[in-house]
C-alpha atoms as a PDB file:
ATOM      1  CA  MET A   1    -154.640 -60.934  22.798  1.00  0.00           C
ATOM      2  CA  SER A   2    -154.576 -64.778  23.296  1.00  0.00           C
ATOM      3  CA  ALA A   3    -154.481 -66.878  26.447  1.00  0.00           C
ATOM      4  CA  LEU A   4    -154.304 -69.982  27.726  1.00  0.00           C
ATOM      5  CA  LYS A   5    -155.198 -70.789  31.780  1.00  0.00           C
ATOM      6  CA  ILE A   6    -152.872 -73.771  32.703  1.00  0.00           C
ATOM      7  CA  PRO A   7    -154.348 -75.702  35.340  1.00  0.00           C
ATOM      8  CA  SER A   8    -151.287 -76.312  38.005  1.00  0.00           C
ATOM      9  CA  ALA A   9    -149.105 -77.249  35.416  1.00  0.00           C
ATOM     10  CA  ALA A  10    -151.161 -80.022  34.185  1.00  0.00           C
ATOM     11  CA  PHE A  11    -148.379 -81.883  33.396  1.00  0.00           C
ATOM     12  CA  ALA A  12    -144.915 -81.596  35.235  1.00  0.00           C
ATOM     13  CA  ILE A  13    -141.897 -81.036  32.612  1.00  0.00           C
ATOM     14  CA  SER A  14    -139.336 -83.197  34.890  1.00  0.00           C
ATOM     15  CA  SER A  15    -137.368 -83.876  31.535  1.00  0.00           C
ATOM     16  CA  SER A  16    -138.557 -81.002  29.508  1.00  0.00           C
ATOM     17  CA  ILE A  17    -135.043 -81.033  27.659  1.00  0.00           C
ATOM     18  CA  ASN A  18    -135.357 -84.556  26.841  1.00  0.00           C
ATOM     19  CA  ARG A  19    -137.892 -84.412  24.302  1.00  0.00           C
ATOM     20  CA  LEU A  20    -136.814 -81.496  22.116  1.00  0.00           C
ATOM     21  CA  ALA A  21    -135.979 -83.306  18.674  1.00  0.00           C
ATOM     22  CA  PHE A  22    -140.103 -84.988  19.223  1.00  0.00           C
ATOM     23  CA  LYS A  23    -141.514 -85.818  15.987  1.00  0.00           C
ATOM     24  CA  LEU A  24    -145.307 -85.513  15.588  1.00  0.00           C
ATOM     25  CA  ARG A  25    -145.426 -89.342  15.044  1.00  0.00           C
ATOM     26  CA  HIS A  26    -144.422 -90.076  17.749  1.00  0.00           C
ATOM     27  CA  ARG A  27    -146.834 -88.328  19.509  1.00  0.00           C
ATOM     28  CA  SER A  28    -148.465 -90.335  22.842  1.00  0.00           C
ATOM     29  CA  ARG A  29    -151.923 -91.283  22.959  1.00  0.00           C
ATOM     30  CA  SER A  30    -151.892 -93.555  26.266  1.00  0.00           C
ATOM     31  CA  ARG A  31    -152.801 -90.683  28.310  1.00  0.00           C
ATOM     32  CA  PRO A  32    -155.338 -87.714  28.960  1.00  0.00           C
ATOM     33  CA  VAL A  33    -154.306 -84.266  27.561  1.00  0.00           C
ATOM     34  CA  LEU A  34    -154.848 -81.605  30.026  1.00  0.00           C
ATOM     35  CA  LEU A  35    -153.518 -78.734  28.080  1.00  0.00           C
ATOM     36  CA  ALA A  36    -155.856 -76.854  25.733  1.00  0.00           C
ATOM     37  CA  SER A  37    -156.131 -78.006  22.079  1.00  0.00           C
ATOM     38  CA  VAL A  38    -155.987 -74.404  20.882  1.00  0.00           C
ATOM     39  CA  TYR A  39    -152.426 -75.041  21.173  1.00  0.00           C
ATOM     40  CA  GLY A  40    -152.056 -78.035  20.329  1.00  0.00           C
ATOM     41  CA  LEU A  41    -149.937 -78.751  23.182  1.00  0.00           C
ATOM     42  CA  HIS A  42    -149.775 -82.724  23.734  1.00  0.00           C
ATOM     43  CA  CYS A  43    -147.439 -83.261  27.224  1.00  0.00           C
ATOM     44  CA  CYS A  44    -146.783 -86.474  29.380  1.00  0.00           C
ATOM     45  CA  SER A  45    -144.252 -86.660  32.128  1.00  0.00           C
ATOM     46  CA  ARG A  46    -142.800 -89.648  33.722  1.00  0.00           C
ATOM     47  CA  ARG A  47    -144.071 -87.778  36.900  1.00  0.00           C
ATOM     48  CA  MET A  48    -147.497 -88.706  35.939  1.00  0.00           C
ATOM     49  CA  ALA A  49    -149.693 -91.701  35.728  1.00  0.00           C
ATOM     50  CA  THR A  50    -153.335 -91.279  36.145  1.00  0.00           C
ATOM     51  CA  ALA A  51    -153.528 -88.886  39.255  1.00  0.00           C
ATOM     52  CA  ALA A  52    -152.922 -84.828  38.655  1.00  0.00           C
ATOM     53  CA  VAL A  53    -149.586 -83.564  40.645  1.00  0.00           C
ATOM     54  CA  GLU A  54    -150.645 -81.204  43.415  1.00  0.00           C
ATOM     55  CA  PRO A  55    -149.698 -77.295  42.285  1.00  0.00           C
ATOM     56  CA  ALA A  56    -146.310 -76.285  43.842  1.00  0.00           C
ATOM     57  CA  ALA A  57    -147.943 -72.647  44.726  1.00  0.00           C
ATOM     58  CA  THR A  58    -151.235 -71.060  44.730  1.00  0.00           C
ATOM     59  CA  GLU A  59    -150.048 -67.697  42.979  1.00  0.00           C
ATOM     60  CA  HIS A  60    -151.419 -67.646  39.704  1.00  0.00           C
ATOM     61  CA  LEU A  61    -148.535 -66.293  36.975  1.00  0.00           C
ATOM     62  CA  GLU A  62    -149.098 -64.520  33.409  1.00  0.00           C
ATOM     63  CA  ILE A  63    -146.412 -65.031  30.948  1.00  0.00           C
ATOM     64  CA  CYS A  64    -146.217 -63.177  27.603  1.00  0.00           C
ATOM     65  CA  VAL A  65    -144.948 -65.002  24.900  1.00  0.00           C
ATOM     66  CA  LYS A  66    -144.072 -64.727  20.923  1.00  0.00           C
ATOM     67  CA  ALA A  67    -146.983 -65.978  18.882  1.00  0.00           C
ATOM     68  CA  SER A  68    -146.232 -67.932  15.760  1.00  0.00           C
ATOM     69  CA  VAL A  69    -146.031 -65.542  12.701  1.00  0.00           C
ATOM     70  CA  THR A  70    -148.033 -68.185  10.293  1.00  0.00           C
ATOM     71  CA  THR A  71    -150.600 -69.239  12.775  1.00  0.00           C
ATOM     72  CA  PRO A  72    -151.357 -66.550  15.644  1.00  0.00           C
ATOM     73  CA  ASP A  73    -152.692 -68.724  17.842  1.00  0.00           C
ATOM     74  CA  ARG A  74    -150.040 -70.669  18.602  1.00  0.00           C
ATOM     75  CA  LEU A  75    -146.450 -70.672  20.419  1.00  0.00           C
ATOM     76  CA  GLY A  76    -144.127 -68.831  18.245  1.00  0.00           C
ATOM     77  CA  ASP A  77    -140.452 -69.684  17.862  1.00  0.00           C
ATOM     78  CA  CYS A  78    -138.700 -68.025  20.050  1.00  0.00           C
ATOM     79  CA  PRO A  79    -136.405 -70.206  22.582  1.00  0.00           C
ATOM     80  CA  PHE A  80    -136.335 -67.636  25.074  1.00  0.00           C
ATOM     81  CA  SER A  81    -140.105 -67.755  25.678  1.00  0.00           C
ATOM     82  CA  GLN A  82    -139.912 -72.063  25.591  1.00  0.00           C
ATOM     83  CA  ARG A  83    -137.367 -71.822  28.298  1.00  0.00           C
ATOM     84  CA  ILE A  84    -139.581 -69.879  30.472  1.00  0.00           C
ATOM     85  CA  LEU A  85    -142.567 -71.841  29.725  1.00  0.00           C
ATOM     86  CA  LEU A  86    -140.877 -74.905  30.485  1.00  0.00           C
ATOM     87  CA  THR A  87    -139.196 -73.950  33.780  1.00  0.00           C
ATOM     88  CA  VAL A  88    -142.821 -72.867  35.291  1.00  0.00           C
ATOM     89  CA  GLU A  89    -144.248 -76.625  34.093  1.00  0.00           C
ATOM     90  CA  GLU A  90    -140.780 -77.989  35.646  1.00  0.00           C
ATOM     91  CA  LYS A  91    -141.763 -76.294  39.269  1.00  0.00           C
ATOM     92  CA  GLN A  92    -145.412 -77.328  38.586  1.00  0.00           C
ATOM     93  CA  LEU A  93    -146.871 -73.750  38.448  1.00  0.00           C
ATOM     94  CA  SER A  94    -150.053 -72.551  37.256  1.00  0.00           C
ATOM     95  CA  TYR A  95    -150.312 -69.595  34.728  1.00  0.00           C
ATOM     96  CA  SER A  96    -152.157 -67.780  32.052  1.00  0.00           C
ATOM     97  CA  MET A  97    -149.946 -67.732  28.616  1.00  0.00           C
ATOM     98  CA  LYS A  98    -150.441 -64.529  27.047  1.00  0.00           C
ATOM     99  CA  LEU A  99    -149.393 -64.850  22.725  1.00  0.00           C
ATOM    100  CA  VAL A 100    -148.041 -61.723  21.400  1.00  0.00           C
ATOM    101  CA  ASP A 101    -147.515 -60.767  17.806  1.00  0.00           C
ATOM    102  CA  THR A 102    -144.067 -59.261  17.775  1.00  0.00           C
ATOM    103  CA  GLY A 103    -144.588 -58.006  14.300  1.00  0.00           C
ATOM    104  CA  ASN A 104    -147.214 -55.902  15.543  1.00  0.00           C
ATOM    105  CA  LYS A 105    -147.389 -55.393  18.945  1.00  0.00           C
ATOM    106  CA  PRO A 106    -150.636 -54.448  20.502  1.00  0.00           C
ATOM    107  CA  GLU A 107    -150.975 -51.198  22.974  1.00  0.00           C
ATOM    108  CA  TRP A 108    -151.525 -53.065  26.039  1.00  0.00           C
ATOM    109  CA  PHE A 109    -148.340 -55.425  25.632  1.00  0.00           C
ATOM    110  CA  LEU A 110    -146.132 -51.764  25.166  1.00  0.00           C
ATOM    111  CA  LYS A 111    -147.906 -50.379  28.256  1.00  0.00           C
ATOM    112  CA  ILE A 112    -146.839 -53.341  30.406  1.00  0.00           C
ATOM    113  CA  ASN A 113    -143.458 -53.444  28.971  1.00  0.00           C
ATOM    114  CA  THR A 114    -142.029 -50.526  27.097  1.00  0.00           C
ATOM    115  CA  GLU A 115    -139.239 -52.467  25.133  1.00  0.00           C
ATOM    116  CA  GLY A 116    -141.616 -54.554  23.631  1.00  0.00           C
ATOM    117  CA  LYS A 117    -139.318 -57.722  24.218  1.00  0.00           C
ATOM    118  CA  VAL A 118    -140.834 -61.461  25.400  1.00  0.00           C
ATOM    119  CA  PRO A 119    -140.612 -62.936  27.332  1.00  0.00           C
ATOM    120  CA  VAL A 120    -142.246 -61.367  30.258  1.00  0.00           C
ATOM    121  CA  ILE A 121    -143.510 -62.702  33.525  1.00  0.00           C
ATOM    122  CA  LYS A 122    -145.833 -60.951  35.856  1.00  0.00           C
ATOM    123  CA  ILE A 123    -144.986 -61.759  39.505  1.00  0.00           C
ATOM    124  CA  ASP A 124    -146.183 -60.461  42.838  1.00  0.00           C
ATOM    125  CA  GLU A 125    -148.141 -57.616  40.517  1.00  0.00           C
ATOM    126  CA  LYS A 126    -144.862 -56.764  38.868  1.00  0.00           C
ATOM    127  CA  TRP A 127    -143.867 -57.481  35.021  1.00  0.00           C
ATOM    128  CA  ILE A 128    -140.708 -58.939  34.606  1.00  0.00           C
ATOM    129  CA  ALA A 129    -138.703 -59.111  31.435  1.00  0.00           C
ATOM    130  CA  ASP A 130    -135.339 -61.045  30.304  1.00  0.00           C
ATOM    131  CA  SER A 131    -135.432 -64.557  30.647  1.00  0.00           C
ATOM    132  CA  ASP A 132    -132.249 -64.937  32.599  1.00  0.00           C
ATOM    133  CA  VAL A 133    -133.797 -62.401  35.314  1.00  0.00           C
ATOM    134  CA  ILE A 134    -136.665 -64.332  34.839  1.00  0.00           C
ATOM    135  CA  THR A 135    -135.509 -67.682  35.353  1.00  0.00           C
ATOM    136  CA  GLN A 136    -133.865 -66.164  38.617  1.00  0.00           C
ATOM    137  CA  THR A 137    -136.844 -64.800  40.127  1.00  0.00           C
ATOM    138  CA  LEU A 138    -138.832 -67.695  39.724  1.00  0.00           C
ATOM    139  CA  GLU A 139    -135.744 -70.239  41.630  1.00  0.00           C
ATOM    140  CA  GLU A 140    -136.027 -67.397  44.403  1.00  0.00           C
ATOM    141  CA  LYS A 141    -139.612 -67.647  44.840  1.00  0.00           C
ATOM    142  CA  PHE A 142    -140.504 -71.226  43.976  1.00  0.00           C
ATOM    143  CA  PRO A 143    -137.118 -72.860  44.840  1.00  0.00           C
ATOM    144  CA  SER A 144    -138.946 -76.401  44.653  1.00  0.00           C
ATOM    145  CA  PRO A 145    -138.012 -77.746  42.800  1.00  0.00           C
ATOM    146  CA  PRO A 146    -134.181 -76.151  42.802  1.00  0.00           C
ATOM    147  CA  LEU A 147    -133.032 -76.301  39.297  1.00  0.00           C
ATOM    148  CA  ALA A 148    -130.321 -73.640  39.771  1.00  0.00           C
ATOM    149  CA  THR A 149    -127.360 -74.841  38.420  1.00  0.00           C
ATOM    150  CA  PRO A 150    -123.913 -74.612  39.790  1.00  0.00           C
ATOM    151  CA  PRO A 151    -121.862 -71.772  38.550  1.00  0.00           C
ATOM    152  CA  GLU A 152    -119.419 -73.902  37.232  1.00  0.00           C
ATOM    153  CA  LYS A 153    -121.388 -76.345  35.394  1.00  0.00           C
ATOM    154  CA  ALA A 154    -123.674 -72.955  33.785  1.00  0.00           C
ATOM    155  CA  PRO A 155    -121.161 -72.235  30.766  1.00  0.00           C
ATOM    156  CA  VAL A 156    -121.675 -75.785  29.587  1.00  0.00           C
ATOM    157  CA  GLY A 157    -123.454 -75.190  26.038  1.00  0.00           C
ATOM    158  CA  SER A 158    -123.443 -71.948  26.340  1.00  0.00           C
ATOM    159  CA  LYS A 159    -121.664 -70.886  23.036  1.00  0.00           C
ATOM    160  CA  ILE A 160    -123.584 -73.346  20.834  1.00  0.00           C
ATOM    161  CA  PHE A 161    -126.640 -70.727  19.837  1.00  0.00           C
ATOM    162  CA  SER A 162    -124.367 -67.856  18.889  1.00  0.00           C
ATOM    163  CA  MET A 163    -122.058 -70.225  16.881  1.00  0.00           C
ATOM    164  CA  PHE A 164    -125.474 -71.495  15.303  1.00  0.00           C
ATOM    165  CA  ILE A 165    -126.338 -67.865  14.400  1.00  0.00           C
ATOM    166  CA  GLY A 166    -122.819 -67.528  12.894  1.00  0.00           C
ATOM    167  CA  PHE A 167    -123.373 -70.086  10.646  1.00  0.00           C
ATOM    168  CA  LEU A 168    -126.658 -69.574  10.040  1.00  0.00           C
ATOM    169  CA  LYS A 169    -125.920 -65.834   8.784  1.00  0.00           C
ATOM    170  CA  SER A 170    -122.498 -67.235   6.415  1.00  0.00           C
ATOM    171  CA  LYS A 171    -122.634 -66.754   3.353  1.00  0.00           C
ATOM    172  CA  SER A 172    -119.203 -68.624   2.764  1.00  0.00           C
ATOM    173  CA  PRO A 173    -118.607 -72.318   3.274  1.00  0.00           C
ATOM    174  CA  SER A 174    -115.023 -71.224   3.868  1.00  0.00           C
ATOM    175  CA  ASP A 175    -115.377 -68.831   6.221  1.00  0.00           C
ATOM    176  CA  GLY A 176    -114.839 -70.938   9.284  1.00  0.00           C
ATOM    177  CA  THR A 177    -118.363 -70.655  11.103  1.00  0.00           C
ATOM    178  CA  GLU A 178    -119.436 -74.171  10.401  1.00  0.00           C
ATOM    179  CA  LEU A 179    -115.925 -75.554  12.072  1.00  0.00           C
ATOM    180  CA  GLN A 180    -117.092 -72.911  15.062  1.00  0.00           C
ATOM    181  CA  LEU A 181    -120.261 -74.758  15.763  1.00  0.00           C
ATOM    182  CA  LEU A 182    -118.835 -78.025  15.536  1.00  0.00           C
ATOM    183  CA  ASN A 183    -115.988 -77.576  17.825  1.00  0.00           C
ATOM    184  CA  GLU A 184    -118.733 -76.154  20.250  1.00  0.00           C
ATOM    185  CA  LEU A 185    -120.926 -79.480  19.321  1.00  0.00           C
ATOM    186  CA  THR A 186    -118.011 -81.381  20.049  1.00  0.00           C
ATOM    187  CA  SER A 187    -116.878 -80.041  23.384  1.00  0.00           C
ATOM    188  CA  PHE A 188    -120.382 -80.458  24.427  1.00  0.00           C
ATOM    189  CA  ASN A 189    -120.757 -84.015  23.165  1.00  0.00           C
ATOM    190  CA  ASP A 190    -117.575 -85.068  25.240  1.00  0.00           C
ATOM    191  CA  TYR A 191    -118.667 -83.309  28.385  1.00  0.00           C
ATOM    192  CA  ILE A 192    -122.215 -85.151  28.280  1.00  0.00           C
ATOM    193  CA  LYS A 193    -120.547 -88.003  27.571  1.00  0.00           C
ATOM    194  CA  GLU A 194    -118.162 -87.651  30.601  1.00  0.00           C
ATOM    195  CA  ASN A 195    -121.198 -86.078  32.985  1.00  0.00           C
ATOM    196  CA  GLY A 196    -124.325 -86.497  31.688  1.00  0.00           C
ATOM    197  CA  PRO A 197    -127.080 -86.944  30.760  1.00  0.00           C
ATOM    198  CA  TYR A 198    -127.305 -83.613  31.656  1.00  0.00           C
ATOM    199  CA  ILE A 199    -125.479 -80.763  32.241  1.00  0.00           C
ATOM    200  CA  ASN A 200    -125.596 -80.905  36.282  1.00  0.00           C
ATOM    201  CA  GLY A 201    -125.316 -84.900  35.758  1.00  0.00           C
ATOM    202  CA  LYS A 202    -128.573 -86.732  36.708  1.00  0.00           C
ATOM    203  CA  GLU A 203    -130.717 -83.905  37.199  1.00  0.00           C
ATOM    204  CA  VAL A 204    -132.433 -81.921  35.238  1.00  0.00           C
ATOM    205  CA  SER A 205    -131.577 -77.925  35.738  1.00  0.00           C
ATOM    206  CA  ALA A 206    -131.921 -74.177  34.505  1.00  0.00           C
ATOM    207  CA  ALA A 207    -129.354 -74.526  32.138  1.00  0.00           C
ATOM    208  CA  ASP A 208    -130.907 -77.613  29.892  1.00  0.00           C
ATOM    209  CA  LEU A 209    -133.896 -75.651  29.571  1.00  0.00           C
ATOM    210  CA  SER A 210    -132.100 -73.062  28.410  1.00  0.00           C
ATOM    211  CA  LEU A 211    -130.064 -74.740  26.375  1.00  0.00           C
ATOM    212  CA  GLY A 212    -132.932 -77.391  24.592  1.00  0.00           C
ATOM    213  CA  PRO A 213    -134.815 -75.133  23.075  1.00  0.00           C
ATOM    214  CA  LYS A 214    -131.770 -73.459  21.307  1.00  0.00           C
ATOM    215  CA  LEU A 215    -130.525 -76.983  19.921  1.00  0.00           C
ATOM    216  CA  TYR A 216    -133.716 -77.636  18.785  1.00  0.00           C
ATOM    217  CA  HIS A 217    -133.947 -74.452  16.731  1.00  0.00           C
ATOM    218  CA  MET A 218    -130.526 -75.126  15.319  1.00  0.00           C
ATOM    219  CA  GLU A 219    -131.364 -78.189  13.904  1.00  0.00           C
ATOM    220  CA  ILE A 220    -134.857 -77.200  12.544  1.00  0.00           C
ATOM    221  CA  ALA A 221    -133.054 -73.847  10.421  1.00  0.00           C
ATOM    222  CA  LEU A 222    -129.562 -75.569   9.676  1.00  0.00           C
ATOM    223  CA  SER A 223    -131.621 -78.576   7.910  1.00  0.00           C
ATOM    224  CA  HIS A 224    -134.046 -76.198   6.026  1.00  0.00           C
ATOM    225  CA  TYR A 225    -131.414 -73.393   5.268  1.00  0.00           C
ATOM    226  CA  LYS A 226    -128.202 -75.431   4.795  1.00  0.00           C
ATOM    227  CA  SER A 227    -129.603 -79.188   4.232  1.00  0.00           C
ATOM    228  CA  TRP A 228    -127.365 -79.361   7.443  1.00  0.00           C
ATOM    229  CA  ALA A 229    -127.305 -82.109  10.607  1.00  0.00           C
ATOM    230  CA  ILE A 230    -125.790 -83.466  13.650  1.00  0.00           C
ATOM    231  CA  PRO A 231    -123.085 -85.152  12.705  1.00  0.00           C
ATOM    232  CA  ASP A 232    -123.371 -88.987  13.589  1.00  0.00           C
ATOM    233  CA  SER A 233    -120.239 -88.313  15.268  1.00  0.00           C
ATOM    234  CA  LEU A 234    -121.710 -86.361  18.047  1.00  0.00           C
ATOM    235  CA  PRO A 235    -123.795 -89.030  19.546  1.00  0.00           C
ATOM    236  CA  TYR A 236    -123.965 -87.750  22.792  1.00  0.00           C
ATOM    237  CA  VAL A 237    -125.434 -84.672  21.657  1.00  0.00           C
ATOM    238  CA  LYS A 238    -128.207 -86.766  19.506  1.00  0.00           C
ATOM    239  CA  SER A 239    -128.720 -88.245  22.821  1.00  0.00           C
ATOM    240  CA  TYR A 240    -129.153 -85.468  25.306  1.00  0.00           C
ATOM    241  CA  MET A 241    -132.044 -84.559  22.781  1.00  0.00           C
ATOM    242  CA  GLN A 242    -133.764 -87.994  22.792  1.00  0.00           C
ATOM    243  CA  VAL A 243    -133.020 -89.221  26.035  1.00  0.00           C
ATOM    244  CA  TYR A 244    -136.033 -90.790  27.820  1.00  0.00           C
ATOM    245  CA  GLU A 245    -137.678 -90.471  24.999  1.00  0.00           C
ATOM    246  CA  ASN A 246    -140.876 -92.435  26.427  1.00  0.00           C
ATOM    247  CA  ASP A 247    -141.153 -91.057  29.326  1.00  0.00           C
ATOM    248  CA  LEU A 248    -141.961 -87.323  28.231  1.00  0.00           C
ATOM    249  CA  PHE A 249    -143.494 -86.076  25.054  1.00  0.00           C
ATOM    250  CA  PHE A 250    -144.823 -82.453  23.946  1.00  0.00           C
ATOM    251  CA  THR A 251    -144.650 -80.413  20.673  1.00  0.00           C
ATOM    252  CA  ASN A 252    -145.419 -76.903  20.802  1.00  0.00           C
ATOM    253  CA  PHE A 253    -143.422 -75.555  23.225  1.00  0.00           C
ATOM    254  CA  ILE A 254    -140.949 -75.709  20.836  1.00  0.00           C
ATOM    255  CA  PHE A 255    -140.604 -74.641  17.399  1.00  0.00           C
ATOM    256  CA  VAL A 256    -141.668 -77.813  15.430  1.00  0.00           C
ATOM    257  CA  ALA A 257    -140.417 -78.136  11.541  1.00  0.00           C
ATOM    258  CA  SER A 258    -143.910 -78.034   9.775  1.00  0.00           C
ATOM    259  CA  SER A 259    -143.839 -74.364  10.962  1.00  0.00           C
ATOM    260  CA  ILE A 260    -141.235 -74.013   8.105  1.00  0.00           C
ATOM    261  CA  ASP A 261    -143.803 -74.113   4.420  1.00  0.00           C
ATOM    262  CA  PRO A 262    -141.042 -74.070   1.779  1.00  0.00           C
ATOM    263  CA  GLN A 263    -143.756 -72.622  -0.125  1.00  0.00           C
ATOM    264  CA  LYS A 264    -144.077 -69.389   1.930  1.00  0.00           C
ATOM    265  CA  ASN A 265    -140.590 -69.431   2.842  1.00  0.00           C
ATOM    266  CA  PRO A 266    -138.302 -70.061   0.157  1.00  0.00           C
ATOM    267  CA  LYS A 267    -134.823 -69.693   0.270  1.00  0.00           C
ATOM    268  CA  PRO A 268    -133.531 -66.976   0.713  1.00  0.00           C
ATOM    269  CA  TYR A 269    -135.634 -65.849   3.471  1.00  0.00           C
ATOM    270  CA  ASN A 270    -135.585 -63.721   6.724  1.00  0.00           C
ATOM    271  CA  LEU A 271    -137.149 -66.724   8.743  1.00  0.00           C
ATOM    272  CA  LEU A 272    -135.542 -66.042  12.120  1.00  0.00           C
ATOM    273  CA  TYR A 273    -136.118 -63.004  14.475  1.00  0.00           C
ATOM    274  CA  VAL A 274    -133.910 -64.115  16.980  1.00  0.00           C
ATOM    275  CA  HIS A 275    -134.513 -62.204  20.509  1.00  0.00           C
ATOM    276  CA  ALA A 276    -130.974 -62.830  22.285  1.00  0.00           C
ATOM    277  CA  ASP A 277    -132.414 -61.341  25.491  1.00  0.00           C
ATOM    278  CA  GLY A 278    -131.416 -57.433  24.541  1.00  0.00           C
ATOM    279  CA  ILE A 279    -129.829 -58.263  21.144  1.00  0.00           C
ATOM    280  CA  LEU A 280    -132.417 -58.623  18.156  1.00  0.00           C
ATOM    281  CA  LEU A 281    -131.332 -60.151  15.504  1.00  0.00           C
ATOM    282  CA  HIS A 282    -132.718 -60.201  12.257  1.00  0.00           C
ATOM    283  CA  VAL A 283    -131.079 -63.316  10.077  1.00  0.00           C
ATOM    284  CA  PHE A 284    -131.055 -62.843   6.634  1.00  0.00           C
ATOM    285  CA  ILE A 285    -130.035 -66.316   4.304  1.00  0.00           C
END
């Protein structure tokens, strides 16, 4: 088991979604890195200058997340795990991150979570699974800063991930899956154009912290396996992933492009093990 204690959310990710498309060459070197280098975590926030942010609560949380398949001591390619980490960072909570090998789940993990799914979080001495349930629990217990998305806005962008999986699994270029994905991205592009820069307007919310990692996974996976990119005709989708790029930098709360080694992962290859909170998908390309 690998664990990393994060001191009172060393850098509050106030615009967590902003830099999901961040490339390593743009990594900020102007501010100190407080997160342990074993994970290669490099974060800055526009909330931070030189003073540390005070913790929002005294309780220390434990979070079990997926470990990288290729580099076991680093965070793996699970947008649901990343969603929870971004949420606790945004709420400036102190936590320990425990990396779990989902291909060979350790006994200690199965004892606390018999279904063997990640993410799992320990709150009030109780282990809680499912990223939706975890997010709601965090919002109720730690309401500041508020991240709840208004119900009427919560569905925005919610179908993009399933359309991405359908297109990724597609064997035929004429089966309509690409068009379905483009339709969802177009709808999202139009929404952000009129209501952005975030789903809930000017403030980041839970919906952004959920969608952001999924968009980044989509970008990386489709680029690698289908040589596909978000069209230039969808500038607001792109800006959503890159807005305020100088305000926040982070790398390994997301699945970075370098995780795909063409020598180790040639096409076709079963790269993605997608845990959709209750649905386990082996995506064969």
